[in-house]
Every structure is written in structure tokens, then in C-alpha cells.
Amino acid sequence: MLCIKKFFTYVIYFIRSCLFNLVFFPYVASIAIVYKFVSPNKYQNLIRAYSRVFHLIVKYLAGIDYKLFNTENKKPYPVIYALKHESAWETMALIHVFSPCVFVLKEELTKIPVFGKFLTDVGMIAIDRTSAIQSVRQIVKETKAAVQKGNSIVIFPEGTRAKPGVLNTLQSGIYAPYSINKLPVVPVFLDSGKFWPRKSFLKKSGTVTVDFLEEIKPGLDKDEFMTKLTSAFQNRMNGEK
């Protein structure tokens, strides 16, 4: 009986994942075209609306919802949000939560036809991970410009998606925008990989936890900052609040 139940659960997930992909990819393509007809000063409104609609698509087709915790730690002014990274889900579903914002993302994404140009045109910060010095200089310059426009910075300090329950070594590149811009860093814990696993076609229904942790104030030296950021994620993963 248990095997039959698992089989039918898998079939349901497979069908829902197929339906999601049938809608998702045309939707992404349409956004990358529609923005060309929108005034640049309306880009934040556009990507905010895009994120909200994406959330509805993934919620009703793939069954993936989310719940925010400790939103008192979410700030109404520009900060750096350092996100735990487990899935492609958080790169799209949460834009409206952090908006106005720009994401720091890998340069490879800007190579995607049409969509790549959309990312750069709306102000996302693409870094070349093969050149550490160049990427640090770029991230300092572009985050400073974004903050002056009133945007928060969203960054994934692990650098790549981790498996659920695993914390990849945090990359020290986050320290440059933190120290130069003198901004607080708000760690954000996610467990999205349980429902939309890395490199997986199959999506599983469930509710993603999005937990805003206590801010790390400006002014720490590099070692102290990296230790504090790592500890924030590790403590949360160990069940500490």
C-alpha cells in the first residue's frame, strides 16, 4: 500500500512539474520581451509584478508556496540581504519581497539569449567568478550605484546552490559591498531545496520557510564578519532562533 501511495505521489508531482514548465518557460521569455516597452524608471515595478505572478504560477501549478518569518528583521531602507541558496526558486519568487532591489548573479546567466539582456538592462549585477579581483571591483562599483538609487542588494554568499541541510563555504566577496557601503547585512534562511531541488525537473509541493535572521551591523572586520554570517546560518540550521 505504501509503495502504491508513493507511486501515485510521484505521478502527481511529475504531472504538476510538466504543467509548470509548459507555463514557466514561455512566461520568462515574455517578460524578457515586454520590458523593452517599459520605461526604465518602471523596471522595478515590472520585476516586482513579474515576481508576484511567478509566485502564483509555481504555487498553483507546482504546489510550492512560502511563509515569511521574523519580518521585523526586514528593513524599509537599503540593506544587503544574504540568502541561503538551495534552488532557482528564490531567484524569482522573492524579488517582490525585497524590492526595490538588485540581485548579484553569475555572469553566465547574462549569456542566455534575450533573457540575459533583460537581466543587465534592469540593473542586475552580473559578476565574473573566474576573476576574483575584477569581480570585487565590479561589485563594489555597481552595488554603490544601486544603493544610491535606493535599492537593497540581494546576494547568495554560498556562490552556488547547496543541498538541503548543507551550508556551502561562504564566499568572502560579500565583505566588499558590506564594508564599502557601510550597510547592515540581513541573513535570510531558506529551505527551498526540499521542494525544488538543484538540477531537478521534479518539483515537490510544500511551503518554503523564508526566515529573516538578526542583522549584522556595519563596521566589523573581515574575519569577524564572515564568522558571524556563517554562524547565523549554522545556528538556524541547527534549530536555534
Protein backbone atom coordinates (compact mmCIF):
# COMPACT_ATOMS: atom_id res chain seq x y z
CA MET A 1 0.00 0.00 0.00
CA LEU A 2 2.85 2.38 0.87
CA CYS A 3 4.58 1.71 -2.47
CA ILE A 4 1.34 2.43 -4.36
CA LYS A 5 0.91 5.69 -2.45
CA LYS A 6 4.50 6.74 -3.28
CA PHE A 7 3.95 5.86 -6.93
CA PHE A 8 0.83 8.00 -7.24
CA THR A 9 2.52 10.84 -5.36
CA TYR A 10 5.39 10.69 -7.85
CA VAL A 11 2.95 10.70 -10.78
CA ILE A 12 1.18 13.77 -9.39
CA TYR A 13 4.49 15.59 -8.88
CA PHE A 14 5.57 14.66 -12.40
CA ILE A 15 2.36 15.93 -14.00
CA ARG A 16 2.46 19.16 -11.99
CA SER A 17 6.11 19.69 -12.90
CA CYS A 18 5.31 19.23 -16.59
CA LEU A 19 2.46 21.74 -16.40
CA PHE A 20 4.67 24.20 -14.55
CA ASN A 21 7.43 24.02 -17.17
CA LEU A 22 4.92 24.43 -20.00
CA VAL A 23 3.88 27.76 -18.49
CA PHE A 24 7.15 28.86 -16.87
CA PHE A 25 9.47 29.00 -19.88
CA PRO A 26 7.10 30.98 -22.14
CA TYR A 27 6.42 33.29 -19.21
CA VAL A 28 10.13 34.03 -18.69
CA ALA A 29 10.54 34.62 -22.42
CA SER A 30 7.59 37.02 -22.48
CA ILE A 31 8.98 39.12 -19.64
CA ALA A 32 12.29 39.42 -21.45
CA ILE A 33 10.41 40.94 -24.38
CA VAL A 34 7.76 43.01 -22.60
CA TYR A 35 10.32 45.03 -20.63
CA LYS A 36 11.51 46.65 -23.87
CA PHE A 37 8.21 48.52 -23.99
CA VAL A 38 8.51 49.76 -20.40
CA SER A 39 10.19 52.97 -19.30
CA PRO A 40 13.46 52.32 -17.37
CA ASN A 41 12.09 54.13 -14.32
CA LYS A 42 9.34 51.48 -14.21
CA TYR A 43 11.68 48.48 -14.26
CA GLN A 44 11.35 47.84 -10.52
CA ASN A 45 7.56 47.84 -10.87
CA LEU A 46 7.86 45.36 -13.73
CA ILE A 47 10.13 42.88 -11.98
CA ARG A 48 8.03 43.18 -8.82
CA ALA A 49 4.93 42.27 -10.81
CA TYR A 50 6.86 39.50 -12.61
CA SER A 51 7.85 38.02 -9.25
CA ARG A 52 4.31 38.09 -7.89
CA VAL A 53 2.94 36.34 -10.98
CA PHE A 54 5.76 33.78 -10.87
CA HIS A 55 4.82 33.02 -7.27
CA LEU A 56 1.24 32.32 -8.34
CA ILE A 57 2.42 30.09 -11.20
CA VAL A 58 4.68 27.99 -9.02
CA LYS A 59 2.12 27.91 -6.20
CA TYR A 60 -0.87 26.70 -8.21
CA LEU A 61 0.93 24.54 -10.77
CA ALA A 62 3.82 23.08 -8.77
CA GLY A 63 2.27 23.44 -5.32
CA ILE A 64 5.17 25.45 -3.87
CA ASP A 65 4.18 28.26 -1.50
CA TYR A 66 6.24 30.18 1.08
CA LYS A 67 5.90 31.66 4.54
CA LEU A 68 7.86 34.62 5.93
CA PHE A 69 9.22 34.54 9.48
CA ASN A 70 10.70 37.27 11.67
CA THR A 71 9.77 40.01 9.21
CA GLU A 72 10.64 42.60 11.85
CA ASN A 73 14.23 41.99 10.68
CA LYS A 74 13.28 43.01 7.13
CA LYS A 75 14.27 46.64 6.59
CA PRO A 76 12.40 49.52 4.88
CA TYR A 77 15.73 51.01 3.74
CA PRO A 78 18.64 49.68 1.64
CA VAL A 79 20.50 46.75 3.20
CA ILE A 80 22.29 43.67 1.94
CA TYR A 81 20.17 40.52 2.10
CA ALA A 82 22.42 37.44 2.24
CA LEU A 83 20.31 34.47 1.16
CA LYS A 84 20.85 30.78 1.81
CA HIS A 85 20.84 29.31 -1.70
CA GLU A 86 19.26 25.94 -2.46
CA SER A 87 17.09 26.45 -5.53
CA ALA A 88 16.25 28.53 -8.57
CA TRP A 89 13.02 29.33 -6.75
CA GLU A 90 14.44 32.15 -4.61
CA THR A 91 15.94 33.93 -7.61
CA MET A 92 12.43 34.68 -8.88
CA ALA A 93 9.76 34.16 -6.24
CA LEU A 94 11.15 36.63 -3.70
CA ILE A 95 12.01 39.67 -5.82
CA HIS A 96 8.82 41.44 -4.75
CA VAL A 97 9.61 40.72 -1.10
CA PHE A 98 12.96 42.56 -1.25
CA SER A 99 12.03 45.17 -3.87
CA PRO A 100 13.32 47.72 -4.64
CA CYS A 101 16.40 45.60 -5.07
CA VAL A 102 19.05 44.29 -7.41
CA PHE A 103 20.42 40.76 -7.37
CA VAL A 104 24.09 39.82 -7.61
CA LEU A 105 24.23 36.89 -10.02
CA LYS A 106 26.71 34.88 -12.01
CA GLU A 107 27.71 36.27 -15.39
CA GLU A 108 26.72 33.05 -17.17
CA LEU A 109 23.05 33.97 -16.76
CA THR A 110 23.53 37.07 -18.89
CA LYS A 111 24.59 34.83 -21.79
CA ILE A 112 21.06 33.42 -22.09
CA PRO A 113 19.57 34.76 -25.34
CA VAL A 114 17.09 37.62 -24.80
CA PHE A 115 16.67 36.93 -21.07
CA GLY A 116 20.33 37.72 -20.39
CA LYS A 117 19.98 41.21 -21.82
CA PHE A 118 16.85 41.71 -19.74
CA LEU A 119 18.84 40.97 -16.56
CA THR A 120 21.53 43.53 -17.33
CA ASP A 121 19.13 46.18 -18.62
CA VAL A 122 17.01 46.12 -15.45
CA GLY A 123 20.15 46.60 -13.34
CA MET A 124 21.05 43.16 -12.02
CA ILE A 125 24.74 42.84 -11.14
CA ALA A 126 26.48 40.06 -13.07
CA ILE A 127 29.94 39.06 -11.86
CA ASP A 128 32.67 37.03 -13.49
CA ARG A 129 33.57 34.39 -10.94
CA THR A 130 36.77 33.45 -12.78
CA SER A 131 38.40 36.80 -11.97
CA ALA A 132 38.29 37.50 -8.24
CA ILE A 133 39.90 40.95 -8.28
CA GLN A 134 37.84 42.20 -11.20
CA SER A 135 34.60 40.85 -9.72
CA VAL A 136 35.24 42.55 -6.36
CA ARG A 137 35.91 45.90 -8.06
CA GLN A 138 32.77 45.48 -10.14
CA ILE A 139 30.55 44.51 -7.25
CA VAL A 140 31.76 47.50 -5.20
CA LYS A 141 31.11 49.94 -8.04
CA GLU A 142 27.72 48.57 -9.06
CA THR A 143 26.34 47.97 -5.57
CA LYS A 144 27.29 51.51 -4.60
CA ALA A 145 25.35 52.86 -7.59
CA ALA A 146 22.36 50.62 -6.81
CA VAL A 147 22.25 51.69 -3.15
CA GLN A 148 22.38 55.37 -4.13
CA LYS A 149 19.19 54.74 -6.12
CA GLY A 150 17.50 53.34 -3.01
CA ASN A 151 17.88 49.62 -3.81
CA SER A 152 18.74 46.82 -1.44
CA ILE A 153 21.31 44.26 -2.58
CA VAL A 154 20.40 40.57 -2.70
CA ILE A 155 23.37 38.22 -2.76
CA PHE A 156 23.94 34.47 -2.41
CA PRO A 157 27.18 34.20 -0.39
CA GLU A 158 27.47 30.43 -0.94
CA GLY A 159 28.05 31.19 -4.62
CA THR A 160 26.15 28.13 -5.79
CA ARG A 161 23.10 26.14 -4.75
CA ALA A 162 23.55 23.79 -1.80
CA LYS A 163 21.77 20.57 -0.98
CA PRO A 164 19.06 20.83 1.69
CA GLY A 165 20.59 20.85 5.15
CA VAL A 166 24.06 21.71 3.81
CA LEU A 167 25.83 25.06 4.10
CA ASN A 168 28.44 25.63 1.43
CA THR A 169 31.54 27.63 2.38
CA LEU A 170 30.57 31.29 2.22
CA GLN A 171 32.48 33.36 -0.32
CA SER A 172 34.25 36.40 1.10
CA GLY A 173 33.19 38.55 -1.87
CA ILE A 174 30.19 39.71 0.16
CA TYR A 175 32.51 41.57 2.52
CA ALA A 176 33.43 44.23 -0.08
CA PRO A 177 29.92 45.69 -0.57
CA TYR A 178 29.27 45.33 3.17
CA SER A 179 32.35 47.32 4.18
CA ILE A 180 32.38 49.89 1.36
CA ASN A 181 28.66 50.70 1.50
CA LYS A 182 28.58 50.52 5.32
CA LEU A 183 25.29 48.65 5.18
CA PRO A 184 23.78 46.12 7.58
CA VAL A 185 23.61 42.55 6.30
CA VAL A 186 20.42 40.61 6.96
CA PRO A 187 20.93 36.83 6.60
CA VAL A 188 17.89 35.06 5.17
CA PHE A 189 17.46 31.33 5.75
CA LEU A 190 15.63 29.25 3.12
CA ASP A 191 14.84 25.55 2.71
CA SER A 192 13.61 25.73 -0.90
CA GLY A 193 15.79 22.82 -1.97
CA LYS A 194 13.38 20.41 -0.28
CA PHE A 195 10.72 21.30 -2.84
CA TRP A 196 12.64 22.48 -5.94
CA PRO A 197 15.93 20.57 -5.73
CA ARG A 198 19.06 21.67 -7.53
CA LYS A 199 19.20 20.39 -11.14
CA SER A 200 15.91 18.55 -10.72
CA PHE A 201 12.96 18.51 -13.10
CA LEU A 202 10.62 17.23 -10.39
CA LYS A 203 9.07 19.81 -8.07
CA LYS A 204 7.50 18.71 -4.78
CA SER A 205 4.62 20.58 -3.21
CA GLY A 206 5.20 22.26 0.13
CA THR A 207 5.82 25.56 1.91
CA VAL A 208 9.26 27.17 1.78
CA THR A 209 10.50 28.72 5.01
CA VAL A 210 11.86 32.24 4.49
CA ASP A 211 13.35 33.35 7.81
CA PHE A 212 14.84 36.83 8.25
CA LEU A 213 17.63 36.48 10.81
CA GLU A 214 19.09 39.18 13.03
CA GLU A 215 21.03 41.83 11.12
CA ILE A 216 24.81 42.07 11.19
CA LYS A 217 25.68 45.69 11.80
CA PRO A 218 28.30 47.56 9.73
CA GLY A 219 31.87 48.04 10.92
CA LEU A 220 33.15 44.51 11.52
CA ASP A 221 36.49 43.38 10.16
CA LYS A 222 36.50 40.66 7.51
CA ASP A 223 37.17 37.65 9.72
CA GLU A 224 34.64 38.69 12.35
CA PHE A 225 32.01 39.42 9.71
CA MET A 226 32.43 36.12 7.87
CA THR A 227 32.37 34.19 11.16
CA LYS A 228 29.21 35.97 12.27
CA LEU A 229 27.46 35.39 8.93
CA THR A 230 28.41 31.71 8.85
CA SER A 231 27.28 31.25 12.46
CA ALA A 232 23.92 32.89 11.72
CA PHE A 233 23.13 30.27 9.08
CA GLN A 234 24.60 27.35 11.02
CA ASN A 235 22.70 28.23 14.19
CA ARG A 236 19.44 28.50 12.26
CA MET A 237 20.07 25.17 10.57
CA ASN A 238 20.73 23.64 13.97
CA GLY A 239 17.34 24.84 15.13
CA GLU A 240 18.41 27.90 17.07
CA LYS A 241 16.39 31.09 16.63
